């Protein structure tokens, strides 16, 4: 009987051990299943996040492509505008030289590449009144100037006809600020006096364009902000030439 009981005990122990092993195996399998499920869920989550990131990247890429297209379109538009403005400047320059080249030397005037017509020092130091000899020049110059600017191919692209007054940077013993402001008043008076004189010239071309001139003719005082120099290094001021009046055309921002 003892042997049988011993055998039954041993068998029970074996069964218990097998149950423990089976339990550990089950736990291990369950842990593996749970782990795989967690990993799969994490992978699905990451995959979803990846898709969202990709969608965002695609949207950003589309937006960048759109912006790039808009930029290139704007760049081409600006290039075309610049080309049109350059063509206009060249055309205006050609017409101005055609009209005035024979008079520039006797008028002591020049036409710059930017179509500024610069008269050389018609004013006395500190004065804004127009000398008689310069009045004679303006009587000849201004109607012909407006005749050129009012040509159909040029007129519609003009935003402003500007009369600019300039001075040297000399003004007695005043400090720099007071000197600048005093010269600003003087330069504005010079520009305004020239504009007023030109506007009142009794001439058919002026009279026919009087409303256009009212809308576009302006006088600007520049003080000594744009001095002229005797040397290319701009170290020696040309005081006489700095006291001047310039006629300038401002082209419209959007040219047809």
C-alpha atoms as a PDB file:
ATOM      1  CA  UNK A   1       0.000   0.000   0.000  1.00  0.00           C
ATOM      2  CA  UNK A   2       2.863   2.311   0.847  1.00  0.00           C
ATOM      3  CA  UNK A   3       4.354   1.749  -2.564  1.00  0.00           C
ATOM      4  CA  UNK A   4       1.053   2.511  -4.218  1.00  0.00           C
ATOM      5  CA  UNK A   5       0.620   5.653  -2.197  1.00  0.00           C
ATOM      6  CA  UNK A   6       4.181   6.643  -2.996  1.00  0.00           C
ATOM      7  CA  UNK A   7       3.501   6.045  -6.665  1.00  0.00           C
ATOM      8  CA  UNK A   8       0.306   8.094  -6.467  1.00  0.00           C
ATOM      9  CA  UNK A   9       2.214  10.895  -4.733  1.00  0.00           C
ATOM     10  CA  UNK A  10       4.902  10.809  -7.359  1.00  0.00           C
ATOM     11  CA  UNK A  11       2.281  10.849 -10.097  1.00  0.00           C
ATOM     12  CA  UNK A  12       0.547  13.771  -8.396  1.00  0.00           C
ATOM     13  CA  UNK A  13       3.829  15.604  -8.213  1.00  0.00           C
ATOM     14  CA  UNK A  14       4.437  14.942 -11.860  1.00  0.00           C
ATOM     15  CA  UNK A  15       0.944  16.141 -12.736  1.00  0.00           C
ATOM     16  CA  UNK A  16       1.465  19.229 -10.633  1.00  0.00           C
ATOM     17  CA  UNK A  17       4.759  19.892 -12.342  1.00  0.00           C
ATOM     18  CA  UNK A  18       3.154  19.394 -15.747  1.00  0.00           C
ATOM     19  CA  UNK A  19       0.362  21.758 -14.774  1.00  0.00           C
ATOM     20  CA  UNK A  20       2.925  24.335 -13.670  1.00  0.00           C
ATOM     21  CA  UNK A  21       4.813  23.928 -16.927  1.00  0.00           C
ATOM     22  CA  UNK A  22       1.571  24.177 -18.898  1.00  0.00           C
ATOM     23  CA  UNK A  23       0.635  27.271 -16.928  1.00  0.00           C
ATOM     24  CA  UNK A  24       4.022  28.911 -17.575  1.00  0.00           C
ATOM     25  CA  UNK A  25       3.742  28.015 -21.259  1.00  0.00           C
ATOM     26  CA  UNK A  26       0.233  29.481 -21.358  1.00  0.00           C
ATOM     27  CA  UNK A  27       1.413  32.600 -19.580  1.00  0.00           C
ATOM     28  CA  UNK A  28       4.342  32.877 -22.002  1.00  0.00           C
ATOM     29  CA  UNK A  29       2.048  32.389 -25.000  1.00  0.00           C
ATOM     30  CA  UNK A  30      -0.441  34.882 -23.576  1.00  0.00           C
ATOM     31  CA  UNK A  31       2.375  37.361 -22.902  1.00  0.00           C
ATOM     32  CA  UNK A  32       3.634  36.868 -26.476  1.00  0.00           C
ATOM     33  CA  UNK A  33       0.118  37.390 -27.863  1.00  0.00           C
ATOM     34  CA  UNK A  34      -0.396  40.490 -25.729  1.00  0.00           C
ATOM     35  CA  UNK A  35       3.061  41.788 -26.662  1.00  0.00           C
ATOM     36  CA  UNK A  36       2.388  41.229 -30.354  1.00  0.00           C
ATOM     37  CA  UNK A  37      -0.971  42.963 -29.994  1.00  0.00           C
ATOM     38  CA  UNK A  38       0.644  45.934 -28.252  1.00  0.00           C
ATOM     39  CA  UNK A  39       3.388  46.046 -30.895  1.00  0.00           C
ATOM     40  CA  UNK A  40       0.814  45.807 -33.694  1.00  0.00           C
ATOM     41  CA  UNK A  41      -1.271  48.548 -32.117  1.00  0.00           C
ATOM     42  CA  UNK A  42       1.867  50.688 -31.732  1.00  0.00           C
ATOM     43  CA  UNK A  43       2.806  49.966 -35.329  1.00  0.00           C
ATOM     44  CA  UNK A  44      -0.689  50.884 -36.496  1.00  0.00           C
ATOM     45  CA  UNK A  45      -0.513  54.065 -34.439  1.00  0.00           C
ATOM     46  CA  UNK A  46       2.912  54.938 -35.864  1.00  0.00           C
ATOM     47  CA  UNK A  47       1.699  54.076 -39.353  1.00  0.00           C
ATOM     48  CA  UNK A  48      -1.286  56.391 -38.867  1.00  0.00           C
ATOM     49  CA  UNK A  49       1.003  59.130 -37.587  1.00  0.00           C
ATOM     50  CA  UNK A  50       3.334  58.517 -40.536  1.00  0.00           C
ATOM     51  CA  UNK A  51       0.405  58.857 -42.943  1.00  0.00           C
ATOM     52  CA  UNK A  52      -0.630  62.104 -41.270  1.00  0.00           C
ATOM     53  CA  UNK A  53       2.960  63.377 -41.490  1.00  0.00           C
ATOM     54  CA  UNK A  54       3.107  62.353 -45.150  1.00  0.00           C
ATOM     55  CA  UNK A  55      -0.174  64.127 -45.821  1.00  0.00           C
ATOM     56  CA  UNK A  56       1.183  67.232 -44.127  1.00  0.00           C
ATOM     57  CA  UNK A  57       4.375  66.938 -46.163  1.00  0.00           C
ATOM     58  CA  UNK A  58       2.338  66.549 -49.341  1.00  0.00           C
ATOM     59  CA  UNK A  59       0.261  69.596 -48.421  1.00  0.00           C
ATOM     60  CA  UNK A  60       3.415  71.572 -47.631  1.00  0.00           C
ATOM     61  CA  UNK A  61       4.966  70.415 -50.909  1.00  0.00           C
ATOM     62  CA  UNK A  62       1.828  71.423 -52.824  1.00  0.00           C
ATOM     63  CA  UNK A  63       1.816  74.785 -51.057  1.00  0.00           C
ATOM     64  CA  UNK A  64       5.506  75.284 -51.797  1.00  0.00           C
ATOM     65  CA  UNK A  65       4.948  74.360 -55.444  1.00  0.00           C
ATOM     66  CA  UNK A  66       2.025  76.786 -55.554  1.00  0.00           C
ATOM     67  CA  UNK A  67       4.104  79.543 -53.953  1.00  0.00           C
ATOM     68  CA  UNK A  68       6.994  78.760 -56.275  1.00  0.00           C
ATOM     69  CA  UNK A  69       4.656  78.974 -59.259  1.00  0.00           C
ATOM     70  CA  UNK A  70       3.267  82.279 -57.988  1.00  0.00           C
ATOM     71  CA  UNK A  71       6.818  83.537 -57.365  1.00  0.00           C
ATOM     72  CA  UNK A  72       7.946  82.568 -60.871  1.00  0.00           C
ATOM     73  CA  UNK A  73       4.839  84.161 -62.311  1.00  0.00           C
ATOM     74  CA  UNK A  74       5.509  87.348 -60.343  1.00  0.00           C
ATOM     75  CA  UNK A  75       9.194  87.212 -61.293  1.00  0.00           C
ATOM     76  CA  UNK A  76       8.325  86.910 -64.975  1.00  0.00           C
ATOM     77  CA  UNK A  77       5.814  89.718 -64.589  1.00  0.00           C
ATOM     78  CA  UNK A  78       8.463  91.905 -62.939  1.00  0.00           C
ATOM     79  CA  UNK A  79      10.971  91.011 -65.656  1.00  0.00           C
ATOM     80  CA  UNK A  80       8.447  91.965 -68.294  1.00  0.00           C
ATOM     81  CA  UNK A  81       7.689  95.169 -66.403  1.00  0.00           C
ATOM     82  CA  UNK A  82      11.389  95.982 -66.106  1.00  0.00           C
ATOM     83  CA  UNK A  83      11.874  95.268 -69.802  1.00  0.00           C
ATOM     84  CA  UNK A  84       8.920  97.483 -70.669  1.00  0.00           C
ATOM     85  CA  UNK A  85      10.242 100.260 -68.437  1.00  0.00           C
ATOM     86  CA  UNK A  86      13.707  99.961 -69.985  1.00  0.00           C
ATOM     87  CA  UNK A  87      12.196 100.103 -73.467  1.00  0.00           C
ATOM     88  CA  UNK A  88      10.181 103.136 -72.401  1.00  0.00           C
ATOM     89  CA  UNK A  89      13.256 104.872 -70.935  1.00  0.00           C
ATOM     90  CA  UNK A  90      15.233 104.232 -74.099  1.00  0.00           C
ATOM     91  CA  UNK A  91      12.383 105.491 -76.241  1.00  0.00           C
ATOM     92  CA  UNK A  92      12.012 108.639 -74.113  1.00  0.00           C
ATOM     93  CA  UNK A  93      15.769 109.183 -74.083  1.00  0.00           C
ATOM     94  CA  UNK A  94      15.870 108.951 -77.864  1.00  0.00           C
ATOM     95  CA  UNK A  95      13.055 111.499 -78.236  1.00  0.00           C
ATOM     96  CA  UNK A  96      14.642 113.928 -75.761  1.00  0.00           C
ATOM     97  CA  UNK A  97      18.016 113.801 -77.506  1.00  0.00           C
ATOM     98  CA  UNK A  98      16.332 114.168 -80.870  1.00  0.00           C
ATOM     99  CA  UNK A  99      14.557 117.320 -79.666  1.00  0.00           C
ATOM    100  CA  UNK A 100      17.278 118.977 -77.565  1.00  0.00           C
ATOM    101  CA  UNK A 101      20.766 117.825 -78.564  1.00  0.00           C
ATOM    102  CA  UNK A 102      21.445 120.914 -80.649  1.00  0.00           C
ATOM    103  CA  UNK A 103      20.587 123.191 -77.683  1.00  0.00           C
ATOM    104  CA  UNK A 104      22.236 121.452 -74.722  1.00  0.00           C
ATOM    105  CA  UNK A 105      25.635 123.139 -75.001  1.00  0.00           C
ATOM    106  CA  UNK A 106      24.289 126.686 -75.231  1.00  0.00           C
ATOM    107  CA  UNK A 107      21.829 125.966 -72.396  1.00  0.00           C
ATOM    108  CA  UNK A 108      24.595 124.405 -70.244  1.00  0.00           C
ATOM    109  CA  UNK A 109      22.341 121.405 -69.794  1.00  0.00           C
ATOM    110  CA  UNK A 110      22.652 117.629 -70.081  1.00  0.00           C
ATOM    111  CA  UNK A 111      20.294 114.675 -70.549  1.00  0.00           C
ATOM    112  CA  UNK A 112      21.240 111.781 -68.258  1.00  0.00           C
ATOM    113  CA  UNK A 113      20.669 108.091 -69.155  1.00  0.00           C
ATOM    114  CA  UNK A 114      17.738 108.194 -66.677  1.00  0.00           C
ATOM    115  CA  UNK A 115      16.165 111.026 -68.699  1.00  0.00           C
ATOM    116  CA  UNK A 116      16.865 113.778 -66.192  1.00  0.00           C
ATOM    117  CA  UNK A 117      17.376 117.147 -67.881  1.00  0.00           C
ATOM    118  CA  UNK A 118      19.801 119.051 -65.676  1.00  0.00           C
ATOM    119  CA  UNK A 119      20.387 122.774 -66.054  1.00  0.00           C
ATOM    120  CA  UNK A 120      23.705 124.016 -64.756  1.00  0.00           C
ATOM    121  CA  UNK A 121      23.502 126.520 -61.877  1.00  0.00           C
ATOM    122  CA  UNK A 122      20.995 129.117 -63.071  1.00  0.00           C
ATOM    123  CA  UNK A 123      20.659 130.528 -59.538  1.00  0.00           C
ATOM    124  CA  UNK A 124      22.857 132.855 -57.520  1.00  0.00           C
ATOM    125  CA  UNK A 125      24.009 131.785 -54.050  1.00  0.00           C
ATOM    126  CA  UNK A 126      21.097 131.794 -51.610  1.00  0.00           C
ATOM    127  CA  UNK A 127      18.620 133.051 -54.238  1.00  0.00           C
ATOM    128  CA  UNK A 128      15.496 131.477 -55.737  1.00  0.00           C
ATOM    129  CA  UNK A 129      14.470 134.104 -58.260  1.00  0.00           C
ATOM    130  CA  UNK A 130      14.844 133.033 -61.897  1.00  0.00           C
ATOM    131  CA  UNK A 131      17.489 135.038 -63.796  1.00  0.00           C
ATOM    132  CA  UNK A 132      16.434 136.609 -67.113  1.00  0.00           C
ATOM    133  CA  UNK A 133      18.754 134.433 -69.193  1.00  0.00           C
ATOM    134  CA  UNK A 134      17.262 131.287 -67.619  1.00  0.00           C
ATOM    135  CA  UNK A 135      13.723 132.562 -68.274  1.00  0.00           C
ATOM    136  CA  UNK A 136      14.625 132.810 -71.965  1.00  0.00           C
ATOM    137  CA  UNK A 137      15.843 129.202 -71.893  1.00  0.00           C
ATOM    138  CA  UNK A 138      12.667 128.005 -70.159  1.00  0.00           C
ATOM    139  CA  UNK A 139      10.505 129.808 -72.729  1.00  0.00           C
ATOM    140  CA  UNK A 140      12.163 127.714 -75.415  1.00  0.00           C
ATOM    141  CA  UNK A 141      12.683 124.497 -73.484  1.00  0.00           C
ATOM    142  CA  UNK A 142       9.462 123.804 -71.589  1.00  0.00           C
ATOM    143  CA  UNK A 143       6.899 123.835 -74.433  1.00  0.00           C
ATOM    144  CA  UNK A 144       9.137 121.527 -76.455  1.00  0.00           C
ATOM    145  CA  UNK A 145       9.649 119.317 -73.399  1.00  0.00           C
ATOM    146  CA  UNK A 146       5.890 118.925 -72.949  1.00  0.00           C
ATOM    147  CA  UNK A 147       5.529 118.329 -76.681  1.00  0.00           C
ATOM    148  CA  UNK A 148       7.838 115.314 -76.360  1.00  0.00           C
ATOM    149  CA  UNK A 149       6.225 113.995 -73.166  1.00  0.00           C
ATOM    150  CA  UNK A 150       2.703 114.346 -74.571  1.00  0.00           C
ATOM    151  CA  UNK A 151       3.416 112.060 -77.506  1.00  0.00           C
ATOM    152  CA  UNK A 152       0.876 109.221 -77.497  1.00  0.00           C
ATOM    153  CA  UNK A 153       3.520 106.516 -77.036  1.00  0.00           C
ATOM    154  CA  UNK A 154       4.946 108.291 -73.969  1.00  0.00           C
ATOM    155  CA  UNK A 155       2.162 110.278 -72.309  1.00  0.00           C
ATOM    156  CA  UNK A 156       0.052 107.414 -70.931  1.00  0.00           C
ATOM    157  CA  UNK A 157       2.959 105.890 -68.994  1.00  0.00           C
ATOM    158  CA  UNK A 158       3.923 109.054 -67.089  1.00  0.00           C
ATOM    159  CA  UNK A 159       2.967 109.204 -63.410  1.00  0.00           C
ATOM    160  CA  UNK A 160       4.651 112.515 -62.657  1.00  0.00           C
ATOM    161  CA  UNK A 161       6.668 115.309 -64.240  1.00  0.00           C
ATOM    162  CA  UNK A 162       8.905 116.553 -61.477  1.00  0.00           C
ATOM    163  CA  UNK A 163      10.745 119.861 -61.217  1.00  0.00           C
ATOM    164  CA  UNK A 164      13.475 119.344 -58.622  1.00  0.00           C
ATOM    165  CA  UNK A 165      15.326 122.165 -56.918  1.00  0.00           C
ATOM    166  CA  UNK A 166      18.808 121.561 -55.489  1.00  0.00           C
ATOM    167  CA  UNK A 167      21.375 123.474 -53.450  1.00  0.00           C
ATOM    168  CA  UNK A 168      24.964 123.190 -52.299  1.00  0.00           C
ATOM    169  CA  UNK A 169      25.496 122.321 -48.629  1.00  0.00           C
ATOM    170  CA  UNK A 170      26.689 125.815 -47.726  1.00  0.00           C
ATOM    171  CA  UNK A 171      24.668 128.065 -45.424  1.00  0.00           C
ATOM    172  CA  UNK A 172      26.834 130.420 -43.397  1.00  0.00           C
ATOM    173  CA  UNK A 173      27.626 129.359 -39.863  1.00  0.00           C
ATOM    174  CA  UNK A 174      24.474 127.318 -39.264  1.00  0.00           C
ATOM    175  CA  UNK A 175      24.795 123.814 -37.861  1.00  0.00           C
ATOM    176  CA  UNK A 176      24.102 120.846 -40.153  1.00  0.00           C
ATOM    177  CA  UNK A 177      20.414 120.490 -39.250  1.00  0.00           C
ATOM    178  CA  UNK A 178      19.556 124.161 -39.643  1.00  0.00           C
ATOM    179  CA  UNK A 179      21.631 124.291 -42.813  1.00  0.00           C
ATOM    180  CA  UNK A 180      19.700 121.346 -44.269  1.00  0.00           C
ATOM    181  CA  UNK A 181      16.314 122.882 -43.439  1.00  0.00           C
ATOM    182  CA  UNK A 182      17.281 126.313 -44.736  1.00  0.00           C
ATOM    183  CA  UNK A 183      18.522 124.752 -47.963  1.00  0.00           C
ATOM    184  CA  UNK A 184      15.340 122.684 -48.154  1.00  0.00           C
ATOM    185  CA  UNK A 185      13.265 125.878 -48.140  1.00  0.00           C
ATOM    186  CA  UNK A 186      15.572 127.428 -50.744  1.00  0.00           C
ATOM    187  CA  UNK A 187      15.469 124.361 -53.002  1.00  0.00           C
ATOM    188  CA  UNK A 188      11.679 124.167 -52.734  1.00  0.00           C
ATOM    189  CA  UNK A 189      11.408 127.862 -53.628  1.00  0.00           C
ATOM    190  CA  UNK A 190      13.636 127.319 -56.672  1.00  0.00           C
ATOM    191  CA  UNK A 191      11.582 124.346 -57.854  1.00  0.00           C
ATOM    192  CA  UNK A 192       8.263 126.110 -57.211  1.00  0.00           C
ATOM    193  CA  UNK A 193       9.392 129.296 -58.984  1.00  0.00           C
ATOM    194  CA  UNK A 194      10.506 127.344 -62.055  1.00  0.00           C
ATOM    195  CA  UNK A 195       7.307 125.283 -62.098  1.00  0.00           C
ATOM    196  CA  UNK A 196       5.179 128.428 -61.753  1.00  0.00           C
ATOM    197  CA  UNK A 197       7.065 130.178 -64.528  1.00  0.00           C
ATOM    198  CA  UNK A 198       6.803 127.178 -66.890  1.00  0.00           C
ATOM    199  CA  UNK A 199       3.137 126.571 -66.096  1.00  0.00           C
ATOM    200  CA  UNK A 200       2.287 130.188 -67.015  1.00  0.00           C
ATOM    201  CA  UNK A 201       4.050 130.188 -70.381  1.00  0.00           C
ATOM    202  CA  UNK A 202       1.461 131.159 -72.995  1.00  0.00           C
ATOM    203  CA  UNK A 203       2.021 128.476 -75.587  1.00  0.00           C
ATOM    204  CA  UNK A 204      -0.309 126.262 -77.625  1.00  0.00           C
ATOM    205  CA  UNK A 205       1.324 123.000 -76.409  1.00  0.00           C
ATOM    206  CA  UNK A 206       1.118 124.113 -72.768  1.00  0.00           C
ATOM    207  CA  UNK A 207      -2.458 125.314 -73.148  1.00  0.00           C
ATOM    208  CA  UNK A 208      -3.568 122.056 -74.808  1.00  0.00           C
ATOM    209  CA  UNK A 209      -2.071 119.993 -71.981  1.00  0.00           C
ATOM    210  CA  UNK A 210      -2.973 122.242 -69.061  1.00  0.00           C
ATOM    211  CA  UNK A 211      -5.268 119.727 -67.316  1.00  0.00           C
ATOM    212  CA  UNK A 212      -2.718 116.958 -67.712  1.00  0.00           C
ATOM    213  CA  UNK A 213      -0.037 119.232 -66.245  1.00  0.00           C
ATOM    214  CA  UNK A 214      -2.302 120.117 -63.330  1.00  0.00           C
ATOM    215  CA  UNK A 215      -2.545 116.398 -62.531  1.00  0.00           C
ATOM    216  CA  UNK A 216       1.099 115.487 -63.075  1.00  0.00           C
ATOM    217  CA  UNK A 217       3.423 118.495 -62.750  1.00  0.00           C
ATOM    218  CA  UNK A 218       5.102 118.714 -59.323  1.00  0.00           C
ATOM    219  CA  UNK A 219       7.795 120.799 -57.610  1.00  0.00           C
ATOM    220  CA  UNK A 220      10.164 119.094 -55.158  1.00  0.00           C
ATOM    221  CA  UNK A 221      12.860 120.655 -53.012  1.00  0.00           C
ATOM    222  CA  UNK A 222      15.794 118.321 -52.424  1.00  0.00           C
ATOM    223  CA  UNK A 223      18.020 120.579 -50.266  1.00  0.00           C
ATOM    224  CA  UNK A 224      21.615 119.294 -50.633  1.00  0.00           C
ATOM    225  CA  UNK A 225      20.653 115.587 -50.614  1.00  0.00           C
ATOM    226  CA  UNK A 226      21.968 115.057 -54.169  1.00  0.00           C
ATOM    227  CA  UNK A 227      25.142 117.066 -54.456  1.00  0.00           C
ATOM    228  CA  UNK A 228      27.267 117.096 -57.600  1.00  0.00           C
ATOM    229  CA  UNK A 229      31.019 116.519 -57.414  1.00  0.00           C
ATOM    230  CA  UNK A 230      34.113 117.408 -59.385  1.00  0.00           C
ATOM    231  CA  UNK A 231      35.664 113.946 -58.989  1.00  0.00           C
ATOM    232  CA  UNK A 232      34.436 110.376 -59.426  1.00  0.00           C
ATOM    233  CA  UNK A 233      35.322 109.514 -55.824  1.00  0.00           C
ATOM    234  CA  UNK A 234      32.814 112.194 -54.721  1.00  0.00           C
ATOM    235  CA  UNK A 235      35.179 113.926 -52.335  1.00  0.00           C
ATOM    236  CA  UNK A 236      35.210 117.418 -53.894  1.00  0.00           C
ATOM    237  CA  UNK A 237      31.810 119.086 -54.098  1.00  0.00           C
ATOM    238  CA  UNK A 238      31.003 121.148 -57.170  1.00  0.00           C
ATOM    239  CA  UNK A 239      29.203 123.947 -55.344  1.00  0.00           C
ATOM    240  CA  UNK A 240      28.239 125.891 -58.462  1.00  0.00           C
ATOM    241  CA  UNK A 241      26.727 122.923 -60.342  1.00  0.00           C
ATOM    242  CA  UNK A 242      24.936 121.728 -57.194  1.00  0.00           C
ATOM    243  CA  UNK A 243      22.789 124.905 -57.266  1.00  0.00           C
ATOM    244  CA  UNK A 244      20.524 123.633 -60.019  1.00  0.00           C
ATOM    245  CA  UNK A 245      17.102 122.642 -61.267  1.00  0.00           C
ATOM    246  CA  UNK A 246      16.322 119.279 -62.855  1.00  0.00           C
ATOM    247  CA  UNK A 247      13.351 118.064 -64.860  1.00  0.00           C
ATOM    248  CA  UNK A 248      12.538 114.419 -64.225  1.00  0.00           C
ATOM    249  CA  UNK A 249       9.912 111.967 -65.513  1.00  0.00           C
ATOM    250  CA  UNK A 250       8.488 109.406 -63.066  1.00  0.00           C
ATOM    251  CA  UNK A 251       7.157 106.333 -64.878  1.00  0.00           C
ATOM    252  CA  UNK A 252       4.039 104.543 -63.675  1.00  0.00           C
ATOM    253  CA  UNK A 253       4.527 101.427 -61.558  1.00  0.00           C
ATOM    254  CA  UNK A 254       2.389  99.352 -63.930  1.00  0.00           C
ATOM    255  CA  UNK A 255       3.315 100.150 -67.485  1.00  0.00           C
ATOM    256  CA  UNK A 256       1.210  98.895 -70.358  1.00  0.00           C
END
